């Protein structure tokens, strides 16, 4: 089996910036808090927790020690941004903030703030439970709505003077469909395509890479929207595409001895996880075969079976 890591697989600039900021602050301060996962990659967040990052919720923010006990504590605003409610809690606790909000998400936040001040309604195409989307909805101050599927777009009854924008990691095809539906219903609709260009380019890369491989292993967080999008993209050109969070989730039955196996990752997947998967696929079966049994077809990656 030939195992290849996609050369263009890398975290997006927003994720790289957030992780770099976290590492830098953790090297300088005693306490660093974050409201939930900094990025949607559990294992990378766990690595940062091992360095001292502390995850809190909106409810537990009020239980933090008082200001005099937090002289060296900081709060890291995660890549997806935070709602004004969370930011207000942070200010009440007297915490100094480090803003790791993705610049593209920040642009969406500024658009919402501006248009709410000017009396526009806000329509967000995205996942109702995604922190970026819930944060944008909170900024709409009761003048916003989330569209998560085609039916909701079709049934929407909203004012003409509305701004439509997208969750940055939403499927661009879904956003295009919502835009088409609403454009036919609302004559005064204003549209801001806030889908992430990096992720759009990664979809193109994934299709090209997937066509060159027999099997695709996509490494990424289970709660990552961009990973789900890239997996669906890979499946369009390669039905033997699978998503895993860590090597232990790999199934031997996915492979044949002669396969070309491609490893890729989502926009929140660090390079070390891709190399870890490469090493696992190249060596794991040798470790499970202590007698050195050889596959009849030969090759570096040995798959073997016991007779019943």
C-alpha atoms as a PDB file:
ATOM      1  CA  UNK A   1       0.000   0.000   0.000  1.00  0.00           C
ATOM      2  CA  UNK A   2       1.240   3.469  -0.844  1.00  0.00           C
ATOM      3  CA  UNK A   3       0.345   6.123   1.745  1.00  0.00           C
ATOM      4  CA  UNK A   4       0.407   9.826   0.806  1.00  0.00           C
ATOM      5  CA  UNK A   5      -0.374  12.962   2.805  1.00  0.00           C
ATOM      6  CA  UNK A   6      -2.054  15.622   0.675  1.00  0.00           C
ATOM      7  CA  UNK A   7       0.495  18.394   0.135  1.00  0.00           C
ATOM      8  CA  UNK A   8      -2.150  21.146   0.343  1.00  0.00           C
ATOM      9  CA  UNK A   9      -3.747  19.891   3.576  1.00  0.00           C
ATOM     10  CA  UNK A  10      -3.222  22.420   6.373  1.00  0.00           C
ATOM     11  CA  UNK A  11      -5.176  24.355   8.983  1.00  0.00           C
ATOM     12  CA  UNK A  12      -6.822  27.535   7.754  1.00  0.00           C
ATOM     13  CA  UNK A  13      -5.086  30.846   8.609  1.00  0.00           C
ATOM     14  CA  UNK A  14      -7.733  31.623  11.263  1.00  0.00           C
ATOM     15  CA  UNK A  15      -7.089  28.353  13.095  1.00  0.00           C
ATOM     16  CA  UNK A  16      -3.309  28.710  12.808  1.00  0.00           C
ATOM     17  CA  UNK A  17      -3.581  32.203  14.275  1.00  0.00           C
ATOM     18  CA  UNK A  18      -5.781  31.042  17.171  1.00  0.00           C
ATOM     19  CA  UNK A  19      -3.461  28.169  18.101  1.00  0.00           C
ATOM     20  CA  UNK A  20      -0.360  30.360  17.829  1.00  0.00           C
ATOM     21  CA  UNK A  21      -1.954  32.997  20.082  1.00  0.00           C
ATOM     22  CA  UNK A  22      -2.909  30.341  22.634  1.00  0.00           C
ATOM     23  CA  UNK A  23       0.601  28.867  22.688  1.00  0.00           C
ATOM     24  CA  UNK A  24       2.155  32.305  23.025  1.00  0.00           C
ATOM     25  CA  UNK A  25      -0.112  33.359  25.912  1.00  0.00           C
ATOM     26  CA  UNK A  26       0.315  30.010  27.706  1.00  0.00           C
ATOM     27  CA  UNK A  27       4.051  30.583  27.637  1.00  0.00           C
ATOM     28  CA  UNK A  28       3.657  33.914  29.451  1.00  0.00           C
ATOM     29  CA  UNK A  29       0.723  33.747  31.894  1.00  0.00           C
ATOM     30  CA  UNK A  30      -0.438  31.606  34.781  1.00  0.00           C
ATOM     31  CA  UNK A  31      -4.093  31.169  33.754  1.00  0.00           C
ATOM     32  CA  UNK A  32      -5.732  31.187  30.332  1.00  0.00           C
ATOM     33  CA  UNK A  33      -9.466  30.558  29.969  1.00  0.00           C
ATOM     34  CA  UNK A  34     -11.560  29.789  26.874  1.00  0.00           C
ATOM     35  CA  UNK A  35     -15.337  29.408  26.614  1.00  0.00           C
ATOM     36  CA  UNK A  36     -15.617  25.988  25.043  1.00  0.00           C
ATOM     37  CA  UNK A  37     -13.323  24.549  22.403  1.00  0.00           C
ATOM     38  CA  UNK A  38     -10.918  27.085  20.934  1.00  0.00           C
ATOM     39  CA  UNK A  39     -11.181  25.287  17.591  1.00  0.00           C
ATOM     40  CA  UNK A  40     -13.201  22.247  16.433  1.00  0.00           C
ATOM     41  CA  UNK A  41     -10.462  19.694  16.946  1.00  0.00           C
ATOM     42  CA  UNK A  42     -10.734  17.858  20.259  1.00  0.00           C
ATOM     43  CA  UNK A  43      -7.212  16.432  20.303  1.00  0.00           C
ATOM     44  CA  UNK A  44      -5.547  19.753  19.479  1.00  0.00           C
ATOM     45  CA  UNK A  45      -7.577  21.434  22.219  1.00  0.00           C
ATOM     46  CA  UNK A  46      -6.504  18.668  24.622  1.00  0.00           C
ATOM     47  CA  UNK A  47      -2.882  19.391  23.716  1.00  0.00           C
ATOM     48  CA  UNK A  48      -3.426  23.051  24.601  1.00  0.00           C
ATOM     49  CA  UNK A  49      -5.152  22.007  27.826  1.00  0.00           C
ATOM     50  CA  UNK A  50      -2.047  20.008  28.730  1.00  0.00           C
ATOM     51  CA  UNK A  51      -0.166  23.309  28.401  1.00  0.00           C
ATOM     52  CA  UNK A  52      -2.576  25.018  30.822  1.00  0.00           C
ATOM     53  CA  UNK A  53      -5.632  26.124  28.827  1.00  0.00           C
ATOM     54  CA  UNK A  54      -8.792  25.969  30.961  1.00  0.00           C
ATOM     55  CA  UNK A  55     -12.191  25.493  29.311  1.00  0.00           C
ATOM     56  CA  UNK A  56     -15.209  27.134  30.922  1.00  0.00           C
ATOM     57  CA  UNK A  57     -18.887  27.603  30.049  1.00  0.00           C
ATOM     58  CA  UNK A  58     -21.076  30.673  30.181  1.00  0.00           C
ATOM     59  CA  UNK A  59     -22.579  29.357  33.413  1.00  0.00           C
ATOM     60  CA  UNK A  60     -19.235  28.762  35.128  1.00  0.00           C
ATOM     61  CA  UNK A  61     -17.851  32.150  34.101  1.00  0.00           C
ATOM     62  CA  UNK A  62     -19.766  33.700  36.992  1.00  0.00           C
ATOM     63  CA  UNK A  63     -18.044  31.291  39.402  1.00  0.00           C
ATOM     64  CA  UNK A  64     -14.523  32.422  38.509  1.00  0.00           C
ATOM     65  CA  UNK A  65     -12.511  34.066  41.301  1.00  0.00           C
ATOM     66  CA  UNK A  66     -12.818  37.787  41.740  1.00  0.00           C
ATOM     67  CA  UNK A  67     -10.608  40.268  39.916  1.00  0.00           C
ATOM     68  CA  UNK A  68      -7.975  40.538  42.660  1.00  0.00           C
ATOM     69  CA  UNK A  69      -7.297  36.815  42.323  1.00  0.00           C
ATOM     70  CA  UNK A  70      -6.949  36.987  38.535  1.00  0.00           C
ATOM     71  CA  UNK A  71      -4.078  39.409  38.106  1.00  0.00           C
ATOM     72  CA  UNK A  72      -2.253  37.047  35.744  1.00  0.00           C
ATOM     73  CA  UNK A  73      -5.323  35.486  34.105  1.00  0.00           C
ATOM     74  CA  UNK A  74      -6.393  36.007  30.513  1.00  0.00           C
ATOM     75  CA  UNK A  75      -9.427  34.980  28.470  1.00  0.00           C
ATOM     76  CA  UNK A  76      -8.924  33.741  24.903  1.00  0.00           C
ATOM     77  CA  UNK A  77     -11.794  34.553  22.542  1.00  0.00           C
ATOM     78  CA  UNK A  78     -12.026  31.485  20.331  1.00  0.00           C
ATOM     79  CA  UNK A  79     -11.743  31.399  16.538  1.00  0.00           C
ATOM     80  CA  UNK A  80     -15.539  31.266  16.068  1.00  0.00           C
ATOM     81  CA  UNK A  81     -15.955  34.435  18.124  1.00  0.00           C
ATOM     82  CA  UNK A  82     -18.097  35.004  21.211  1.00  0.00           C
ATOM     83  CA  UNK A  83     -21.511  36.485  21.870  1.00  0.00           C
ATOM     84  CA  UNK A  84     -21.887  39.818  23.615  1.00  0.00           C
ATOM     85  CA  UNK A  85     -23.271  37.934  26.639  1.00  0.00           C
ATOM     86  CA  UNK A  86     -19.993  36.016  27.039  1.00  0.00           C
ATOM     87  CA  UNK A  87     -17.928  39.167  26.486  1.00  0.00           C
ATOM     88  CA  UNK A  88     -19.944  40.984  29.149  1.00  0.00           C
ATOM     89  CA  UNK A  89     -19.294  38.156  31.619  1.00  0.00           C
ATOM     90  CA  UNK A  90     -15.590  38.383  30.863  1.00  0.00           C
ATOM     91  CA  UNK A  91     -15.600  42.116  31.560  1.00  0.00           C
ATOM     92  CA  UNK A  92     -17.464  41.562  34.832  1.00  0.00           C
ATOM     93  CA  UNK A  93     -14.792  39.093  35.925  1.00  0.00           C
ATOM     94  CA  UNK A  94     -12.085  41.632  35.130  1.00  0.00           C
ATOM     95  CA  UNK A  95     -10.285  39.289  32.765  1.00  0.00           C
ATOM     96  CA  UNK A  96      -7.943  40.617  30.105  1.00  0.00           C
ATOM     97  CA  UNK A  97      -8.879  39.288  26.662  1.00  0.00           C
ATOM     98  CA  UNK A  98      -6.819  37.868  23.827  1.00  0.00           C
ATOM     99  CA  UNK A  99      -8.891  37.972  20.647  1.00  0.00           C
ATOM    100  CA  UNK A 100      -8.367  34.875  18.483  1.00  0.00           C
ATOM    101  CA  UNK A 101     -11.509  35.477  16.406  1.00  0.00           C
ATOM    102  CA  UNK A 102     -10.988  34.432  12.791  1.00  0.00           C
ATOM    103  CA  UNK A 103     -10.719  37.614  10.656  1.00  0.00           C
ATOM    104  CA  UNK A 104     -13.423  36.294   8.315  1.00  0.00           C
ATOM    105  CA  UNK A 105     -15.773  35.711  11.254  1.00  0.00           C
ATOM    106  CA  UNK A 106     -14.905  39.177  12.545  1.00  0.00           C
ATOM    107  CA  UNK A 107     -15.935  40.604   9.177  1.00  0.00           C
ATOM    108  CA  UNK A 108     -19.323  38.854   9.483  1.00  0.00           C
ATOM    109  CA  UNK A 109     -19.740  40.230  13.004  1.00  0.00           C
ATOM    110  CA  UNK A 110     -19.006  43.767  11.804  1.00  0.00           C
ATOM    111  CA  UNK A 111     -21.524  43.389   8.974  1.00  0.00           C
ATOM    112  CA  UNK A 112     -24.239  42.307  11.410  1.00  0.00           C
ATOM    113  CA  UNK A 113     -23.445  45.112  13.871  1.00  0.00           C
ATOM    114  CA  UNK A 114     -23.515  47.732  11.110  1.00  0.00           C
ATOM    115  CA  UNK A 115     -26.758  46.587   9.510  1.00  0.00           C
ATOM    116  CA  UNK A 116     -28.585  46.168  12.827  1.00  0.00           C
ATOM    117  CA  UNK A 117     -27.704  49.782  13.673  1.00  0.00           C
ATOM    118  CA  UNK A 118     -29.130  50.833  10.308  1.00  0.00           C
ATOM    119  CA  UNK A 119     -32.388  48.950  10.876  1.00  0.00           C
ATOM    120  CA  UNK A 120     -31.833  45.922   8.649  1.00  0.00           C
ATOM    121  CA  UNK A 121     -33.056  42.410   9.413  1.00  0.00           C
ATOM    122  CA  UNK A 122     -30.422  39.666   9.480  1.00  0.00           C
ATOM    123  CA  UNK A 123     -30.699  36.243   7.809  1.00  0.00           C
ATOM    124  CA  UNK A 124     -27.930  33.743   8.536  1.00  0.00           C
ATOM    125  CA  UNK A 125     -27.538  30.591   6.424  1.00  0.00           C
ATOM    126  CA  UNK A 126     -25.938  28.024   8.707  1.00  0.00           C
ATOM    127  CA  UNK A 127     -26.127  25.433  11.459  1.00  0.00           C
ATOM    128  CA  UNK A 128     -28.314  26.571  14.352  1.00  0.00           C
ATOM    129  CA  UNK A 129     -25.964  25.043  16.950  1.00  0.00           C
ATOM    130  CA  UNK A 130     -22.691  26.326  15.525  1.00  0.00           C
ATOM    131  CA  UNK A 131     -20.998  28.848  17.872  1.00  0.00           C
ATOM    132  CA  UNK A 132     -20.249  31.260  15.028  1.00  0.00           C
ATOM    133  CA  UNK A 133     -23.912  31.290  14.023  1.00  0.00           C
ATOM    134  CA  UNK A 134     -25.283  31.618  17.560  1.00  0.00           C
ATOM    135  CA  UNK A 135     -22.856  34.486  18.142  1.00  0.00           C
ATOM    136  CA  UNK A 136     -24.030  36.281  14.984  1.00  0.00           C
ATOM    137  CA  UNK A 137     -27.670  35.733  15.909  1.00  0.00           C
ATOM    138  CA  UNK A 138     -27.062  37.247  19.350  1.00  0.00           C
ATOM    139  CA  UNK A 139     -25.582  40.329  17.669  1.00  0.00           C
ATOM    140  CA  UNK A 140     -28.777  40.770  15.638  1.00  0.00           C
ATOM    141  CA  UNK A 141     -30.508  41.848  18.877  1.00  0.00           C
ATOM    142  CA  UNK A 142     -33.731  40.000  18.120  1.00  0.00           C
ATOM    143  CA  UNK A 143     -33.813  41.051  14.469  1.00  0.00           C
ATOM    144  CA  UNK A 144     -32.306  37.900  13.011  1.00  0.00           C
ATOM    145  CA  UNK A 145     -33.170  34.387  11.885  1.00  0.00           C
ATOM    146  CA  UNK A 146     -31.171  31.266  10.993  1.00  0.00           C
ATOM    147  CA  UNK A 147     -31.857  29.210   7.869  1.00  0.00           C
ATOM    148  CA  UNK A 148     -30.528  25.659   8.158  1.00  0.00           C
ATOM    149  CA  UNK A 149     -32.217  23.994   5.175  1.00  0.00           C
ATOM    150  CA  UNK A 150     -34.026  24.598   1.899  1.00  0.00           C
ATOM    151  CA  UNK A 151     -37.505  24.280   3.440  1.00  0.00           C
ATOM    152  CA  UNK A 152     -36.818  27.063   5.930  1.00  0.00           C
ATOM    153  CA  UNK A 153     -35.676  29.327   3.109  1.00  0.00           C
ATOM    154  CA  UNK A 154     -38.798  28.552   1.095  1.00  0.00           C
ATOM    155  CA  UNK A 155     -41.143  29.200   4.037  1.00  0.00           C
ATOM    156  CA  UNK A 156     -39.381  32.296   5.357  1.00  0.00           C
ATOM    157  CA  UNK A 157     -41.623  35.308   5.822  1.00  0.00           C
ATOM    158  CA  UNK A 158     -39.305  38.259   6.281  1.00  0.00           C
ATOM    159  CA  UNK A 159     -39.049  41.931   5.441  1.00  0.00           C
ATOM    160  CA  UNK A 160     -37.534  43.045   2.135  1.00  0.00           C
ATOM    161  CA  UNK A 161     -34.871  45.142   3.832  1.00  0.00           C
ATOM    162  CA  UNK A 162     -32.837  42.152   4.954  1.00  0.00           C
ATOM    163  CA  UNK A 163     -29.166  41.163   4.885  1.00  0.00           C
ATOM    164  CA  UNK A 164     -28.313  37.562   3.995  1.00  0.00           C
ATOM    165  CA  UNK A 165     -24.918  36.204   5.056  1.00  0.00           C
ATOM    166  CA  UNK A 166     -23.416  32.763   5.574  1.00  0.00           C
ATOM    167  CA  UNK A 167     -21.736  30.748   8.269  1.00  0.00           C
ATOM    168  CA  UNK A 168     -18.148  30.840   7.030  1.00  0.00           C
ATOM    169  CA  UNK A 169     -17.854  27.029   6.901  1.00  0.00           C
ATOM    170  CA  UNK A 170     -21.227  26.324   5.286  1.00  0.00           C
ATOM    171  CA  UNK A 171     -21.435  24.455   1.997  1.00  0.00           C
ATOM    172  CA  UNK A 172     -21.179  27.144  -0.746  1.00  0.00           C
ATOM    173  CA  UNK A 173     -23.726  25.228  -2.829  1.00  0.00           C
ATOM    174  CA  UNK A 174     -26.250  25.437   0.031  1.00  0.00           C
ATOM    175  CA  UNK A 175     -25.656  29.166   0.383  1.00  0.00           C
ATOM    176  CA  UNK A 176     -26.136  29.627  -3.366  1.00  0.00           C
ATOM    177  CA  UNK A 177     -29.470  27.800  -3.159  1.00  0.00           C
ATOM    178  CA  UNK A 178     -30.653  29.918  -0.223  1.00  0.00           C
ATOM    179  CA  UNK A 179     -29.575  33.052  -2.053  1.00  0.00           C
ATOM    180  CA  UNK A 180     -31.524  31.998  -5.154  1.00  0.00           C
ATOM    181  CA  UNK A 181     -34.693  31.226  -3.179  1.00  0.00           C
ATOM    182  CA  UNK A 182     -34.662  34.419  -1.126  1.00  0.00           C
ATOM    183  CA  UNK A 183     -33.750  36.626  -4.092  1.00  0.00           C
ATOM    184  CA  UNK A 184     -37.010  35.561  -5.696  1.00  0.00           C
ATOM    185  CA  UNK A 185     -39.002  36.436  -2.576  1.00  0.00           C
ATOM    186  CA  UNK A 186     -37.383  39.600  -1.202  1.00  0.00           C
ATOM    187  CA  UNK A 187     -36.856  42.442  -3.672  1.00  0.00           C
ATOM    188  CA  UNK A 188     -34.781  44.440  -1.212  1.00  0.00           C
ATOM    189  CA  UNK A 189     -32.504  41.573  -0.178  1.00  0.00           C
ATOM    190  CA  UNK A 190     -28.858  42.456   0.382  1.00  0.00           C
ATOM    191  CA  UNK A 191     -26.400  39.570   0.063  1.00  0.00           C
ATOM    192  CA  UNK A 192     -22.957  39.180   1.643  1.00  0.00           C
ATOM    193  CA  UNK A 193     -21.183  35.980   0.604  1.00  0.00           C
ATOM    194  CA  UNK A 194     -19.176  35.327   3.777  1.00  0.00           C
ATOM    195  CA  UNK A 195     -18.281  31.719   2.960  1.00  0.00           C
ATOM    196  CA  UNK A 196     -14.602  31.047   3.587  1.00  0.00           C
ATOM    197  CA  UNK A 197     -12.466  31.281   0.417  1.00  0.00           C
ATOM    198  CA  UNK A 198      -9.859  29.003   1.981  1.00  0.00           C
ATOM    199  CA  UNK A 199     -12.443  26.261   2.432  1.00  0.00           C
ATOM    200  CA  UNK A 200     -13.777  26.732  -1.101  1.00  0.00           C
ATOM    201  CA  UNK A 201     -10.241  26.255  -2.430  1.00  0.00           C
ATOM    202  CA  UNK A 202      -9.799  23.201  -0.222  1.00  0.00           C
ATOM    203  CA  UNK A 203     -12.874  21.646  -1.826  1.00  0.00           C
ATOM    204  CA  UNK A 204     -11.225  21.997  -5.230  1.00  0.00           C
ATOM    205  CA  UNK A 205      -7.987  20.513  -3.868  1.00  0.00           C
ATOM    206  CA  UNK A 206      -9.863  17.639  -2.243  1.00  0.00           C
ATOM    207  CA  UNK A 207     -11.592  16.657  -5.475  1.00  0.00           C
ATOM    208  CA  UNK A 208      -8.287  16.575  -7.342  1.00  0.00           C
ATOM    209  CA  UNK A 209      -6.575  14.601  -4.579  1.00  0.00           C
ATOM    210  CA  UNK A 210      -9.480  12.184  -4.154  1.00  0.00           C
ATOM    211  CA  UNK A 211      -9.418  11.258  -7.827  1.00  0.00           C
ATOM    212  CA  UNK A 212      -5.762  10.221  -7.531  1.00  0.00           C
ATOM    213  CA  UNK A 213      -6.292   7.811  -4.609  1.00  0.00           C
ATOM    214  CA  UNK A 214      -8.079   4.507  -4.052  1.00  0.00           C
ATOM    215  CA  UNK A 215      -8.945   5.396  -0.437  1.00  0.00           C
ATOM    216  CA  UNK A 216      -9.198   8.766   1.324  1.00  0.00           C
ATOM    217  CA  UNK A 217      -8.735   9.092   5.087  1.00  0.00           C
ATOM    218  CA  UNK A 218      -9.870  12.512   6.284  1.00  0.00           C
ATOM    219  CA  UNK A 219      -8.570  13.357   9.752  1.00  0.00           C
ATOM    220  CA  UNK A 220     -10.466  15.896  11.835  1.00  0.00           C
ATOM    221  CA  UNK A 221     -12.712  16.716  14.779  1.00  0.00           C
ATOM    222  CA  UNK A 222     -16.078  14.995  15.047  1.00  0.00           C
ATOM    223  CA  UNK A 223     -17.813  18.347  15.599  1.00  0.00           C
ATOM    224  CA  UNK A 224     -16.080  20.111  12.695  1.00  0.00           C
ATOM    225  CA  UNK A 225     -18.440  21.494  10.048  1.00  0.00           C
ATOM    226  CA  UNK A 226     -15.622  21.962   7.557  1.00  0.00           C
ATOM    227  CA  UNK A 227     -14.579  18.313   7.965  1.00  0.00           C
ATOM    228  CA  UNK A 228     -18.090  17.174   7.135  1.00  0.00           C
ATOM    229  CA  UNK A 229     -18.067  19.420   4.083  1.00  0.00           C
ATOM    230  CA  UNK A 230     -14.692  18.096   2.886  1.00  0.00           C
ATOM    231  CA  UNK A 231     -15.775  14.496   3.454  1.00  0.00           C
ATOM    232  CA  UNK A 232     -18.865  15.054   1.289  1.00  0.00           C
ATOM    233  CA  UNK A 233     -16.621  16.672  -1.314  1.00  0.00           C
ATOM    234  CA  UNK A 234     -14.293  13.668  -1.301  1.00  0.00           C
ATOM    235  CA  UNK A 235     -17.233  11.261  -1.579  1.00  0.00           C
ATOM    236  CA  UNK A 236     -18.332  12.978  -4.788  1.00  0.00           C
ATOM    237  CA  UNK A 237     -15.212  11.655  -6.537  1.00  0.00           C
ATOM    238  CA  UNK A 238     -14.206   8.695  -4.359  1.00  0.00           C
ATOM    239  CA  UNK A 239     -16.771   6.507  -2.610  1.00  0.00           C
ATOM    240  CA  UNK A 240     -14.049   4.938  -0.453  1.00  0.00           C
ATOM    241  CA  UNK A 241     -13.603   8.095   1.616  1.00  0.00           C
ATOM    242  CA  UNK A 242     -13.712   7.931   5.411  1.00  0.00           C
ATOM    243  CA  UNK A 243     -13.443  10.438   8.235  1.00  0.00           C
ATOM    244  CA  UNK A 244     -11.723   9.654  11.540  1.00  0.00           C
ATOM    245  CA  UNK A 245     -10.661  11.672  14.546  1.00  0.00           C
ATOM    246  CA  UNK A 246      -7.695   9.474  15.492  1.00  0.00           C
ATOM    247  CA  UNK A 247      -5.836   6.377  14.227  1.00  0.00           C
ATOM    248  CA  UNK A 248      -7.702   3.972  16.493  1.00  0.00           C
ATOM    249  CA  UNK A 249     -10.881   4.580  14.457  1.00  0.00           C
ATOM    250  CA  UNK A 250      -9.356   3.200  11.248  1.00  0.00           C
ATOM    251  CA  UNK A 251     -10.994  -0.008  10.001  1.00  0.00           C
ATOM    252  CA  UNK A 252      -8.744  -2.579   8.274  1.00  0.00           C
ATOM    253  CA  UNK A 253     -11.609  -3.602   6.006  1.00  0.00           C
ATOM    254  CA  UNK A 254     -11.425  -0.241   4.240  1.00  0.00           C
ATOM    255  CA  UNK A 255      -8.178  -1.235   2.503  1.00  0.00           C
ATOM    256  CA  UNK A 256      -6.650  -3.623   0.005  1.00  0.00           C
ATOM    257  CA  UNK A 257      -2.934  -4.423  -0.098  1.00  0.00           C
ATOM    258  CA  UNK A 258      -2.435  -2.629  -3.421  1.00  0.00           C
ATOM    259  CA  UNK A 259      -4.373   0.547  -2.541  1.00  0.00           C
ATOM    260  CA  UNK A 260      -3.125   4.096  -2.904  1.00  0.00           C
ATOM    261  CA  UNK A 261      -4.249   5.685   0.363  1.00  0.00           C
ATOM    262  CA  UNK A 262      -4.471   9.451   0.651  1.00  0.00           C
ATOM    263  CA  UNK A 263      -4.500  11.276   3.994  1.00  0.00           C
ATOM    264  CA  UNK A 264      -6.003  14.738   4.295  1.00  0.00           C
ATOM    265  CA  UNK A 265      -7.426  16.959   7.007  1.00  0.00           C
ATOM    266  CA  UNK A 266      -9.943  19.655   7.770  1.00  0.00           C
ATOM    267  CA  UNK A 267      -9.347  23.345   8.332  1.00  0.00           C
ATOM    268  CA  UNK A 268      -8.814  22.652  12.062  1.00  0.00           C
ATOM    269  CA  UNK A 269      -6.490  19.664  11.636  1.00  0.00           C
ATOM    270  CA  UNK A 270      -2.830  20.300  12.577  1.00  0.00           C
ATOM    271  CA  UNK A 271      -0.042  18.735  10.545  1.00  0.00           C
ATOM    272  CA  UNK A 272       1.073  16.509  13.416  1.00  0.00           C
ATOM    273  CA  UNK A 273      -2.203  14.583  13.215  1.00  0.00           C
ATOM    274  CA  UNK A 274      -1.694  13.916   9.498  1.00  0.00           C
ATOM    275  CA  UNK A 275       1.836  12.629  10.104  1.00  0.00           C
ATOM    276  CA  UNK A 276       0.571  10.525  12.991  1.00  0.00           C
ATOM    277  CA  UNK A 277      -1.932   8.894  10.633  1.00  0.00           C
ATOM    278  CA  UNK A 278       0.746   8.313   8.002  1.00  0.00           C
ATOM    279  CA  UNK A 279       2.963   6.584  10.567  1.00  0.00           C
ATOM    280  CA  UNK A 280       0.043   4.499  11.814  1.00  0.00           C
ATOM    281  CA  UNK A 281      -0.926   3.272   8.365  1.00  0.00           C
ATOM    282  CA  UNK A 282       2.674   2.473   7.456  1.00  0.00           C
ATOM    283  CA  UNK A 283       3.552   0.658  10.661  1.00  0.00           C
ATOM    284  CA  UNK A 284       0.521  -0.445  12.640  1.00  0.00           C
ATOM    285  CA  UNK A 285      -0.101  -3.703  10.854  1.00  0.00           C
ATOM    286  CA  UNK A 286       3.533  -4.708  11.268  1.00  0.00           C
ATOM    287  CA  UNK A 287       3.092  -4.210  15.013  1.00  0.00           C
ATOM    288  CA  UNK A 288       0.012  -6.460  15.007  1.00  0.00           C
ATOM    289  CA  UNK A 289       1.937  -9.146  13.107  1.00  0.00           C
ATOM    290  CA  UNK A 290       4.774 -10.112  15.477  1.00  0.00           C
ATOM    291  CA  UNK A 291       5.629 -13.270  13.524  1.00  0.00           C
ATOM    292  CA  UNK A 292       6.375 -11.256  10.410  1.00  0.00           C
ATOM    293  CA  UNK A 293       3.819 -13.044   8.265  1.00  0.00           C
ATOM    294  CA  UNK A 294       3.818 -11.819   4.692  1.00  0.00           C
ATOM    295  CA  UNK A 295       0.928 -10.934   2.505  1.00  0.00           C
ATOM    296  CA  UNK A 296       0.921 -13.048  -0.651  1.00  0.00           C
ATOM    297  CA  UNK A 297       0.975  -9.855  -2.693  1.00  0.00           C
ATOM    298  CA  UNK A 298       3.966  -8.520  -0.793  1.00  0.00           C
ATOM    299  CA  UNK A 299       4.507  -4.820  -0.209  1.00  0.00           C
ATOM    300  CA  UNK A 300       5.553  -2.664   2.742  1.00  0.00           C
ATOM    301  CA  UNK A 301       2.090  -2.516   4.315  1.00  0.00           C
ATOM    302  CA  UNK A 302       1.144  -6.067   5.327  1.00  0.00           C
ATOM    303  CA  UNK A 303      -2.473  -7.136   5.615  1.00  0.00           C
ATOM    304  CA  UNK A 304      -2.936 -10.700   6.824  1.00  0.00           C
ATOM    305  CA  UNK A 305      -5.817 -12.912   7.849  1.00  0.00           C
ATOM    306  CA  UNK A 306      -6.243 -15.854  10.192  1.00  0.00           C
ATOM    307  CA  UNK A 307      -7.965 -18.946   8.903  1.00  0.00           C
ATOM    308  CA  UNK A 308     -11.128 -19.905  10.773  1.00  0.00           C
END
